[in-house]
């Protein structure tokens, strides 16, 4: 089976939307994958996602545990792997 055959019956794919809270304006916002960035560091303290709040314009950075990383990467969020230098 080719990829084209596998997807032949699909009418369209709904874009993935993520919901996040802004700590500055306390708003709950919905963001497309392109509005988020995920940084994966060597530890849980250096793994986070970030976005600009569409309501107030604040730059938001939040920690990302394993489940959040899984959801964001599976939803197409661009990922940056951080490397430590010694």
Protein backbone atom coordinates (compact mmCIF):
# COMPACT_ATOMS: atom_id res chain seq x y z
CA UNK A 1 0.00 0.00 0.00
CA UNK A 2 1.34 3.41 -0.90
CA UNK A 3 0.99 6.51 1.23
CA UNK A 4 -1.34 8.03 -1.36
CA UNK A 5 -3.60 4.95 -1.15
CA UNK A 6 -3.62 5.05 2.65
CA UNK A 7 -4.79 8.67 2.70
CA UNK A 8 -7.06 8.55 -0.35
CA UNK A 9 -10.28 8.41 1.69
CA UNK A 10 -9.41 11.35 3.94
CA UNK A 11 -11.22 14.61 3.24
CA UNK A 12 -8.80 16.77 5.18
CA UNK A 13 -6.82 16.96 8.35
CA UNK A 14 -7.75 19.39 11.09
CA UNK A 15 -4.81 21.43 12.33
CA UNK A 16 -3.57 20.62 15.80
CA UNK A 17 -4.41 23.30 18.37
CA UNK A 18 -2.78 23.52 21.79
CA UNK A 19 -4.25 25.28 24.79
CA UNK A 20 -1.97 27.15 27.17
CA UNK A 21 -2.27 29.72 29.91
CA UNK A 22 -0.51 33.05 30.06
CA UNK A 23 0.85 33.90 33.52
CA UNK A 24 0.91 37.65 32.72
CA UNK A 25 -2.69 38.26 31.62
CA UNK A 26 -4.04 34.97 33.04
CA UNK A 27 -5.70 34.30 29.69
CA UNK A 28 -6.27 30.85 28.27
CA UNK A 29 -5.13 30.84 24.65
CA UNK A 30 -5.28 28.39 21.77
CA UNK A 31 -2.14 28.13 19.68
CA UNK A 32 -1.27 26.38 16.44
CA UNK A 33 1.89 24.26 16.35
CA UNK A 34 3.70 27.03 14.48
CA UNK A 35 3.17 29.47 17.37
CA UNK A 36 5.05 27.26 19.84
CA UNK A 37 8.72 26.34 20.23
CA UNK A 38 10.02 23.40 22.24
CA UNK A 39 13.55 23.29 23.64
CA UNK A 40 14.80 19.95 24.92
CA UNK A 41 17.73 20.17 27.29
CA UNK A 42 19.80 17.64 29.20
CA UNK A 43 17.55 17.88 32.28
CA UNK A 44 13.95 18.63 33.12
CA UNK A 45 15.06 22.10 34.26
CA UNK A 46 16.35 22.89 30.77
CA UNK A 47 13.40 21.46 28.83
CA UNK A 48 10.66 23.99 28.13
CA UNK A 49 8.22 25.33 25.59
CA UNK A 50 7.67 28.95 24.72
CA UNK A 51 5.23 31.17 22.89
CA UNK A 52 4.11 34.76 22.60
CA UNK A 53 0.71 35.35 24.17
CA UNK A 54 -1.65 36.47 21.41
CA UNK A 55 -3.76 38.40 23.96
CA UNK A 56 -1.14 40.51 25.72
CA UNK A 57 2.08 39.97 23.74
CA UNK A 58 4.06 38.57 26.67
CA UNK A 59 6.88 36.13 26.00
CA UNK A 60 5.92 32.97 27.90
CA UNK A 61 8.26 30.13 28.86
CA UNK A 62 6.96 27.04 30.67
CA UNK A 63 8.58 23.78 31.78
CA UNK A 64 7.85 20.73 29.64
CA UNK A 65 7.75 17.30 31.22
CA UNK A 66 7.87 14.06 29.26
CA UNK A 67 4.15 14.04 28.43
CA UNK A 68 4.18 17.65 27.20
CA UNK A 69 7.24 16.92 25.04
CA UNK A 70 5.44 13.91 23.58
CA UNK A 71 2.29 15.91 22.80
CA UNK A 72 4.12 18.88 21.31
CA UNK A 73 6.46 16.85 19.12
CA UNK A 74 3.58 14.63 17.99
CA UNK A 75 1.61 17.75 17.10
CA UNK A 76 4.31 19.19 14.87
CA UNK A 77 5.84 21.81 17.15
CA UNK A 78 9.34 22.81 16.07
CA UNK A 79 11.93 21.39 18.42
CA UNK A 80 15.38 22.61 19.35
CA UNK A 81 17.78 20.25 21.11
CA UNK A 82 20.03 22.08 23.55
CA UNK A 83 23.56 20.75 23.96
CA UNK A 84 25.75 21.48 26.94
CA UNK A 85 29.40 22.30 26.51
CA UNK A 86 32.03 21.36 29.02
